[in-house]
Amino acid sequence: MTRRAALALLACVFITTHPGIAATRAKKAKRAASVPPAVSTAKWPFPPSNLEPKALAAARQRQAVRWLNSRPLFAVATDPRGNAGLVSLDPSLEGKIVLLCFWDYTNAHALRMLPYLSGWNKRYAKDGLVIVGVHAPGFAFAADPGNVAQEVERLDIRTPVIIDSDFIVWRAFANRFWPRTILILPGGRVAFDHVGETGTEAMEVGIRTALGELRGKRYDVALLPPPGPDRADTVCKKSTSDTFCGSRMGKLGSPGYSKGGAAADFTIPPQPEVRREGTIYLAGRWRATDQALFPDGTGPWEMRLKFSGVDAAVVLTPPSATGASVRVTLDGKPVPAGARGRDMVADGSGVTSVPLDGARLYDLVSEQKFAAHEIALAPETAGTGVYAFFFGGCEKNAGR
């Protein structure tokens, strides 16, 4: 980029608000086990800002509502030709290496990156690494800044987060995935651009290499342990794909989604062999939106889904009533104690359920042997939203 283009870019920082959520498609992040991050030659404008003080103050004020855990660090801007990129709003970014991670608090793949972002921040922030989470929502409720702030606090995220509910940063990077991790060097060159929750060792090597070139740093400490798919002591098999519940991307058993989202009565086929893996079956009265399924009327309600895997999680939203919960069974029985996810509880009689404390991803089943199962959800309150299921297929290799 020429100096003239850079100055023109700095002169037109803007903040826009999209009239709706344009990208609620929750596409599964590509897995890239054992594949190092791609090195990009693209350059993104990320210089220190030299805006006129009043313009800079106004831009920071407009951006303030978008940032958590930090004052506004950057904004998206366009040059006279319409090319979009990032422009620094804070002088603290000068000479720093910036790691962007596109994530969504309802996406299981993206959440697996959080421990690495936290670990890298503890290790390398003092040497000039700035980690920024770009939160782009997969569902409409995850666009609410209050919901994002609540989850950032619950997940104990300490690094800066920009709320990108209008997908401005998302579009500037032509993004399509959660998670996607991009390392930007001073001056704007992209050192690596990686999709998926695997490949963390190669990413950390990239961070160290960049800091070594910039600061002359050398690191002798071992790399953070890689995620399951990248570890030698782990066996990964193909689990059931992410399964969405709404009419836009979902797969509902007979008779399928009703037209116009009207509530309809459903019956689960009693023959197990008729119920197909990755297809949702319902009992009781339910209504569908393009993103979710909701129990309707007076109940009872049940949802069943066959899957293959080691663990299972689901995105749920509570109804307006407080104290709602969803009963959960696995293969027709309460979830065994050794297979209960973090959010599962059991009462005195052994009945397993998930108490709903917010609109988020709930861990149902974990640390099982890989096998075919059928999970069943029985909401206790009308209006409970069921959005998407995520499954994992990696387990410890008993022979190692």
Protein backbone atom coordinates (compact mmCIF):
# COMPACT_ATOMS: atom_id res chain seq x y z
CA MET A 1 0.00 0.00 0.00
CA THR A 2 1.33 3.43 -0.92
CA ARG A 3 1.67 6.21 1.63
CA ARG A 4 -1.10 8.15 -0.13
CA ALA A 5 -3.50 5.19 0.08
CA ALA A 6 -2.64 4.65 3.74
CA LEU A 7 -3.32 8.28 4.60
CA ALA A 8 -6.58 8.17 2.67
CA LEU A 9 -7.50 5.04 4.59
CA LEU A 10 -6.72 6.66 7.91
CA ALA A 11 -8.94 9.61 6.99
CA CYS A 12 -12.11 7.59 6.55
CA VAL A 13 -12.55 5.32 9.57
CA PHE A 14 -16.18 4.43 9.77
CA ILE A 15 -18.57 2.44 11.88
CA THR A 16 -21.68 1.01 10.25
CA THR A 17 -24.60 -0.94 11.60
CA HIS A 18 -26.16 -3.63 9.46
CA PRO A 19 -29.98 -3.69 9.61
CA GLY A 20 -30.02 -7.39 10.39
CA ILE A 21 -27.85 -10.41 11.00
CA ALA A 22 -26.62 -11.19 7.52
CA ALA A 23 -24.59 -14.28 8.29
CA THR A 24 -26.24 -16.67 10.72
CA ARG A 25 -25.11 -19.69 8.75
CA ALA A 26 -23.25 -21.89 11.19
CA LYS A 27 -20.98 -23.80 8.87
CA LYS A 28 -18.77 -26.41 10.44
CA ALA A 29 -15.17 -25.28 10.81
CA LYS A 30 -12.79 -27.28 8.65
CA ARG A 31 -10.55 -29.60 10.58
CA ALA A 32 -6.89 -29.49 9.63
CA ALA A 33 -5.09 -31.96 11.88
CA SER A 34 -1.32 -31.97 11.48
CA VAL A 35 -1.46 -29.31 8.75
CA PRO A 36 0.60 -26.18 9.53
CA PRO A 37 -1.05 -22.78 9.16
CA ALA A 38 -0.96 -21.35 5.67
CA VAL A 39 1.39 -18.41 5.17
CA SER A 40 -0.32 -15.51 3.46
CA THR A 41 1.25 -12.74 1.43
CA ALA A 42 -1.81 -10.53 1.88
CA LYS A 43 -1.29 -7.18 3.54
CA TRP A 44 -3.85 -5.55 5.79
CA PRO A 45 -3.51 -1.91 6.81
CA PHE A 46 -2.68 -1.99 10.50
CA PRO A 47 -0.51 1.10 11.08
CA PRO A 48 -0.68 3.39 14.11
CA SER A 49 -3.46 5.90 13.63
CA ASN A 50 -2.57 9.49 12.80
CA LEU A 51 -6.13 10.79 12.65
CA GLU A 52 -6.92 14.35 13.63
CA PRO A 53 -7.57 14.27 17.41
CA LYS A 54 -11.29 15.09 17.21
CA ALA A 55 -11.90 12.45 14.51
CA LEU A 56 -9.92 9.91 16.51
CA ALA A 57 -11.90 10.65 19.68
CA ALA A 58 -15.18 10.31 17.79
CA ALA A 59 -14.13 6.99 16.27
CA ARG A 60 -13.08 5.65 19.67
CA GLN A 61 -16.39 6.72 21.19
CA ARG A 62 -18.40 4.97 18.47
CA GLN A 63 -16.30 1.84 18.88
CA ALA A 64 -16.47 1.72 22.68
CA VAL A 65 -19.76 -0.21 22.73
CA ARG A 66 -18.20 -2.95 20.60
CA TRP A 67 -15.25 -3.79 22.85
CA LEU A 68 -15.01 -5.94 25.99
CA ASN A 69 -11.97 -6.18 28.30
CA SER A 70 -10.29 -3.30 26.45
CA ARG A 71 -10.59 0.21 25.13
CA PRO A 72 -11.19 0.28 21.35
CA LEU A 73 -8.06 -0.99 19.59
CA PHE A 74 -8.99 -0.86 15.91
CA ALA A 75 -11.79 -0.29 13.42
CA VAL A 76 -12.57 -1.31 9.86
CA ALA A 77 -11.97 1.35 7.25
CA THR A 78 -12.06 1.60 3.48
CA ASP A 79 -9.82 3.45 1.06
CA PRO A 80 -11.19 5.49 -1.88
CA ARG A 81 -11.30 2.33 -4.01
CA GLY A 82 -13.47 0.51 -1.48
CA ASN A 83 -10.77 -1.83 -0.17
CA ALA A 84 -11.48 -2.71 3.46
CA GLY A 85 -8.94 -3.25 6.19
CA LEU A 86 -8.13 -2.56 9.83
CA VAL A 87 -6.93 0.77 11.14
CA SER A 88 -5.47 1.23 14.61
CA LEU A 89 -7.38 3.47 17.01
CA ASP A 90 -4.99 3.03 19.89
CA PRO A 91 -1.28 3.90 19.97
CA SER A 92 -0.59 0.81 22.10
CA LEU A 93 -0.80 -1.30 18.92
CA GLU A 94 2.19 0.39 17.33
CA GLY A 95 4.90 -2.17 16.71
CA LYS A 96 2.77 -5.02 18.10
CA ILE A 97 1.89 -8.39 16.60
CA VAL A 98 -1.88 -8.93 16.56
CA LEU A 99 -3.55 -12.34 16.68
CA LEU A 100 -7.20 -12.27 15.58
CA CYS A 101 -9.46 -15.24 16.31
CA PHE A 102 -12.98 -15.38 14.86
CA TRP A 103 -15.19 -17.23 17.33
CA ASP A 104 -18.75 -17.64 18.56
CA TYR A 105 -19.68 -18.66 22.08
CA THR A 106 -22.27 -21.15 20.78
CA ASN A 107 -19.80 -22.96 18.50
CA ALA A 108 -18.07 -26.01 20.00
CA HIS A 109 -15.19 -25.86 17.51
CA ALA A 110 -14.43 -22.24 18.34
CA LEU A 111 -14.64 -22.81 22.10
CA ARG A 112 -11.86 -25.39 21.86
CA MET A 113 -9.48 -22.58 20.88
CA LEU A 114 -10.07 -20.54 24.05
CA PRO A 115 -7.55 -22.35 26.32
CA TYR A 116 -4.84 -21.79 23.70
CA LEU A 117 -5.64 -18.11 23.32
CA SER A 118 -5.47 -17.73 27.10
CA GLY A 119 -2.23 -19.68 27.30
CA TRP A 120 -0.57 -17.70 24.51
CA ASN A 121 -1.66 -14.45 26.10
CA LYS A 122 0.01 -15.44 29.39
CA ARG A 123 3.19 -16.47 27.58
CA TYR A 124 3.64 -13.82 24.91
CA ALA A 125 1.67 -10.65 25.75
CA LYS A 126 4.67 -9.24 27.60
CA ASP A 127 6.74 -9.67 24.43
CA GLY A 128 4.38 -7.74 22.15
CA LEU A 129 1.55 -10.14 21.20
CA VAL A 130 -2.00 -8.71 21.31
CA ILE A 131 -4.78 -11.29 21.09
CA VAL A 132 -8.23 -10.10 20.00
CA GLY A 133 -11.28 -12.34 19.84
CA VAL A 134 -13.65 -11.32 17.04
CA HIS A 135 -17.06 -12.51 18.20
CA ALA A 136 -19.33 -13.08 15.18
CA PRO A 137 -22.66 -14.71 16.12
CA GLY A 138 -23.87 -17.99 14.68
CA PHE A 139 -27.42 -17.38 15.96
CA ALA A 140 -29.51 -14.24 16.42
CA PHE A 141 -29.46 -14.32 20.24
CA ALA A 142 -25.64 -14.46 20.20
CA ALA A 143 -25.62 -11.03 18.54
CA ASP A 144 -26.92 -9.43 21.76
CA PRO A 145 -23.99 -7.57 23.39
CA GLY A 146 -25.36 -8.43 26.82
CA ASN A 147 -25.31 -12.15 26.05
CA VAL A 148 -21.78 -11.91 24.67
CA ALA A 149 -20.57 -10.02 27.74
CA GLN A 150 -22.18 -12.58 30.04
CA GLU A 151 -20.46 -15.46 28.25
CA VAL A 152 -17.09 -13.69 28.11
CA GLU A 153 -17.30 -13.38 31.89
CA ARG A 154 -18.52 -16.96 32.42
CA LEU A 155 -15.78 -18.36 30.21
CA ASP A 156 -13.20 -16.22 32.06
CA ILE A 157 -11.88 -14.59 28.89
CA ARG A 158 -9.38 -11.89 29.83
CA THR A 159 -8.17 -10.81 26.39
CA PRO A 160 -9.85 -8.07 24.32
CA VAL A 161 -13.03 -9.04 22.47
CA ILE A 162 -14.68 -7.04 19.70
CA ILE A 163 -18.41 -7.69 19.26
CA ASP A 164 -18.78 -8.09 15.51
CA SER A 165 -22.55 -8.69 15.43
CA ASP A 166 -22.90 -6.75 12.19
CA PHE A 167 -20.08 -8.81 10.62
CA ILE A 168 -17.97 -5.81 9.64
CA VAL A 169 -14.62 -7.42 10.55
CA TRP A 170 -15.93 -10.78 9.30
CA ARG A 171 -16.59 -9.31 5.85
CA ALA A 172 -13.32 -7.37 5.79
CA PHE A 173 -11.50 -10.71 5.97
CA ALA A 174 -14.01 -12.52 3.71
CA ASN A 175 -14.46 -14.98 6.54
CA ARG A 176 -16.63 -18.12 6.45
CA PHE A 177 -15.46 -20.15 9.44
CA TRP A 178 -15.37 -20.52 13.22
CA PRO A 179 -12.65 -20.63 14.41
CA ARG A 180 -10.25 -18.83 12.10
CA THR A 181 -6.96 -17.51 13.49
CA ILE A 182 -4.92 -14.80 11.75
CA LEU A 183 -1.52 -13.43 12.85
CA ILE A 184 -0.88 -9.87 11.64
CA LEU A 185 2.62 -8.40 11.80
CA PRO A 186 3.46 -4.71 12.28
CA GLY A 187 2.85 -2.97 8.98
CA GLY A 188 -0.03 -5.26 8.07
CA ARG A 189 1.50 -8.44 6.62
CA VAL A 190 -0.37 -11.64 7.53
CA ALA A 191 2.11 -14.19 8.92
CA PHE A 192 -0.39 -17.07 9.04
CA ASP A 193 -4.07 -17.64 8.45
CA HIS A 194 -5.49 -20.88 9.87
CA VAL A 195 -8.96 -22.45 9.92
CA GLY A 196 -10.02 -24.96 12.58
CA GLU A 197 -9.21 -25.88 16.18
CA THR A 198 -6.26 -28.14 15.37
CA GLY A 199 -2.73 -27.18 14.36
CA THR A 200 -2.08 -25.21 17.57
CA GLU A 201 1.58 -26.26 17.81
CA ALA A 202 2.30 -24.88 14.34
CA MET A 203 0.46 -21.68 15.24
CA GLU A 204 2.48 -21.24 18.41
CA VAL A 205 5.69 -21.79 16.43
CA GLY A 206 4.48 -19.04 14.08
CA ILE A 207 3.93 -16.69 17.03
CA ARG A 208 7.41 -17.42 18.38
CA THR A 209 8.99 -16.95 14.97
CA ALA A 210 7.29 -13.59 14.53
CA LEU A 211 8.29 -12.40 18.02
CA GLY A 212 11.82 -13.66 17.43
CA GLU A 213 12.12 -11.63 14.25
CA LEU A 214 10.60 -8.56 15.88
CA ARG A 215 12.10 -8.67 19.37
CA GLY A 216 14.99 -11.11 19.05
CA LYS A 217 13.27 -13.42 21.55
CA ARG A 218 14.18 -17.08 22.05
CA TYR A 219 11.86 -19.54 23.77
CA ASP A 220 12.97 -22.79 25.39
CA VAL A 221 9.68 -23.67 27.13
CA ALA A 222 7.72 -26.53 25.58
CA LEU A 223 4.80 -25.73 23.30
CA LEU A 224 1.31 -26.00 24.78
CA PRO A 225 -0.03 -29.58 24.45
CA PRO A 226 -1.95 -29.94 21.18
CA PRO A 227 -5.69 -30.70 21.06
CA GLY A 228 -6.91 -34.28 20.91
CA PRO A 229 -6.87 -34.75 17.13
CA ASP A 230 -3.18 -33.78 17.03
CA ARG A 231 -1.98 -35.95 19.94
CA ALA A 232 -0.26 -39.29 19.45
CA ASP A 233 -2.17 -40.81 22.40
CA THR A 234 -5.57 -40.04 20.87
CA VAL A 235 -7.64 -41.93 18.32
CA CYS A 236 -10.15 -39.91 16.30
CA LYS A 237 -13.00 -41.37 14.30
CA LYS A 238 -15.61 -39.67 12.14
CA SER A 239 -18.40 -38.47 14.41
CA THR A 240 -21.85 -37.35 13.36
CA SER A 241 -21.73 -33.95 11.68
CA ASP A 242 -22.98 -30.82 13.42
CA THR A 243 -26.77 -31.12 13.42
CA PHE A 244 -28.90 -27.98 13.21
CA CYS A 245 -32.51 -27.85 14.33
CA GLY A 246 -34.07 -24.91 12.49
CA SER A 247 -35.82 -25.18 9.16
CA ARG A 248 -33.02 -23.38 7.31
CA MET A 249 -30.32 -26.01 7.84
CA GLY A 250 -31.99 -28.71 9.90
CA LYS A 251 -33.04 -32.25 9.09
CA LEU A 252 -36.35 -33.23 10.64
CA GLY A 253 -37.93 -36.65 10.39
CA SER A 254 -41.40 -37.24 8.95
CA PRO A 255 -43.55 -35.24 8.44
CA GLY A 256 -40.84 -32.55 8.38
CA TYR A 257 -41.13 -28.84 9.02
CA SER A 258 -44.56 -27.25 8.78
CA LYS A 259 -45.02 -24.36 6.39
CA GLY A 260 -44.74 -20.85 7.78
CA GLY A 261 -43.35 -22.02 11.11
CA ALA A 262 -46.77 -23.01 12.47
CA ALA A 263 -46.86 -25.35 15.47
CA ALA A 264 -47.56 -28.99 14.62
CA ASP A 265 -47.99 -32.29 16.44
CA PHE A 266 -45.30 -34.92 16.01
CA THR A 267 -44.89 -38.61 16.82
CA ILE A 268 -41.57 -40.45 17.07
CA PRO A 269 -41.49 -43.67 14.98
CA PRO A 270 -41.40 -46.51 17.53
CA GLN A 271 -39.15 -48.76 15.42
CA PRO A 272 -35.50 -47.90 16.22
CA GLU A 273 -34.32 -48.98 12.77
CA VAL A 274 -36.53 -46.33 11.15
CA ARG A 275 -34.86 -43.46 13.01
CA ARG A 276 -31.80 -42.36 11.03
CA GLU A 277 -28.53 -40.97 12.39
CA GLY A 278 -28.26 -37.18 12.15
CA THR A 279 -32.05 -36.75 11.79
CA ILE A 280 -34.18 -35.17 14.51
CA TYR A 281 -37.41 -36.85 15.62
CA LEU A 282 -40.04 -35.13 17.76
CA ALA A 283 -42.93 -36.08 20.03
CA GLY A 284 -45.55 -33.59 21.13
CA ARG A 285 -46.34 -30.16 19.74
CA TRP A 286 -43.42 -28.14 18.35
CA ARG A 287 -42.90 -25.05 16.21
CA ALA A 288 -39.86 -24.20 14.10
CA THR A 289 -38.05 -21.02 13.16
CA ASP A 290 -35.26 -20.91 10.61
CA GLN A 291 -32.75 -21.41 13.44
CA ALA A 292 -34.40 -23.50 16.16
CA LEU A 293 -37.16 -25.78 17.38
CA PHE A 294 -39.41 -24.80 20.31
CA PRO A 295 -41.86 -26.98 22.32
CA ASP A 296 -45.33 -25.47 22.13
CA GLY A 297 -48.55 -25.86 24.08
CA THR A 298 -48.79 -27.92 27.26
CA GLY A 299 -46.52 -30.91 26.57
CA PRO A 300 -45.12 -33.41 27.16
CA TRP A 301 -42.36 -33.00 24.56
CA GLU A 302 -39.43 -35.11 23.45
CA MET A 303 -36.64 -34.83 20.88
CA ARG A 304 -34.49 -37.77 19.83
CA LEU A 305 -31.32 -37.87 17.75
CA LYS A 306 -29.07 -40.80 16.83
CA PHE A 307 -25.36 -40.01 16.69
CA SER A 308 -21.95 -41.62 16.59
CA GLY A 309 -19.22 -40.17 18.75
CA VAL A 310 -17.52 -39.72 22.10
CA ASP A 311 -19.20 -36.55 23.34
CA ALA A 312 -22.27 -34.44 22.64
CA ALA A 313 -23.26 -30.82 23.27
CA VAL A 314 -26.32 -28.74 22.37
CA VAL A 315 -27.15 -25.05 22.04
CA LEU A 316 -30.19 -24.18 24.17
CA THR A 317 -32.03 -20.99 25.09
CA PRO A 318 -34.25 -20.85 28.18
CA PRO A 319 -37.85 -19.66 28.00
CA SER A 320 -38.90 -16.51 29.79
CA ALA A 321 -39.81 -18.57 32.86
CA THR A 322 -37.04 -19.03 35.42
CA GLY A 323 -35.83 -22.38 36.70
CA ALA A 324 -36.34 -24.22 33.40
CA SER A 325 -34.46 -27.42 32.69
CA VAL A 326 -34.25 -30.15 30.07
CA ARG A 327 -34.25 -33.84 31.00
CA VAL A 328 -31.68 -35.88 29.08
CA THR A 329 -31.38 -39.61 28.49
CA LEU A 330 -28.84 -41.67 26.56
CA ASP A 331 -30.02 -44.85 24.86
CA GLY A 332 -33.25 -44.67 26.83
CA LYS A 333 -31.62 -44.39 30.27
CA PRO A 334 -30.23 -41.61 32.48
CA VAL A 335 -26.77 -40.52 31.37
CA PRO A 336 -24.22 -42.67 33.30
CA ALA A 337 -22.19 -40.83 35.93
CA GLY A 338 -18.91 -41.36 34.07
CA ALA A 339 -20.32 -39.95 30.83
CA ARG A 340 -22.03 -36.80 32.10
CA GLY A 341 -20.95 -33.51 30.59
CA ARG A 342 -20.05 -30.46 32.69
CA ASP A 343 -23.60 -29.09 32.58
CA MET A 344 -25.39 -32.34 33.49
CA VAL A 345 -26.88 -32.92 36.93
CA ALA A 346 -28.69 -35.89 38.49
CA ASP A 347 -31.40 -35.85 41.15
CA GLY A 348 -31.79 -38.30 44.02
CA SER A 349 -33.52 -40.86 41.83
CA GLY A 350 -30.83 -40.67 39.16
CA VAL A 351 -32.80 -38.65 36.60
CA THR A 352 -30.32 -36.58 34.54
CA SER A 353 -31.08 -33.07 33.32
CA VAL A 354 -29.52 -29.75 32.30
CA PRO A 355 -30.59 -26.65 34.25
CA LEU A 356 -30.79 -23.64 31.91
CA ASP A 357 -28.95 -20.56 33.12
CA GLY A 358 -28.67 -18.70 29.82
CA ALA A 359 -28.64 -18.93 26.04
CA ARG A 360 -25.47 -20.94 25.33
CA LEU A 361 -23.83 -24.27 24.48
CA TYR A 362 -24.40 -27.02 27.08
CA ASP A 363 -22.17 -30.08 27.51
CA LEU A 364 -24.35 -33.18 27.71
CA VAL A 365 -22.13 -36.23 27.24
CA SER A 366 -18.35 -36.59 27.46
CA GLU A 367 -15.47 -39.08 27.69
CA GLN A 368 -17.31 -42.10 26.39
CA LYS A 369 -15.95 -44.81 24.16
CA PHE A 370 -16.72 -44.07 20.54
CA ALA A 371 -20.04 -45.73 19.71
CA ALA A 372 -23.47 -45.22 18.18
CA HIS A 373 -26.03 -43.76 20.59
CA GLU A 374 -29.42 -42.10 20.72
CA ILE A 375 -29.78 -38.99 22.85
CA ALA A 376 -33.19 -37.72 23.96
CA LEU A 377 -34.12 -34.27 25.26
CA ALA A 378 -37.37 -33.59 27.13
CA PRO A 379 -37.87 -29.85 27.78
CA GLU A 380 -39.95 -29.16 30.86
CA THR A 381 -41.15 -25.73 29.75
CA ALA A 382 -42.70 -24.46 26.52
CA GLY A 383 -40.56 -21.93 24.66
CA THR A 384 -37.23 -23.64 25.36
CA GLY A 385 -35.12 -23.23 22.21
CA VAL A 386 -33.05 -26.10 20.76
CA TYR A 387 -30.65 -24.80 18.10
CA ALA A 388 -27.81 -27.19 17.25
CA PHE A 389 -25.94 -30.33 18.34
CA PHE A 390 -22.16 -30.79 18.20
CA PHE A 391 -20.37 -34.13 18.46
CA GLY A 392 -16.75 -35.17 18.94
CA GLY A 393 -15.02 -38.36 17.89
CA CYS A 394 -11.63 -38.32 19.68
CA GLU A 395 -10.81 -40.64 22.59
CA LYS A 396 -7.70 -41.68 24.48
CA ASN A 397 -5.89 -44.63 22.97
CA ALA A 398 -5.95 -47.27 25.71
CA GLY A 399 -2.84 -48.87 24.27
CA ARG A 400 -0.63 -45.79 24.88
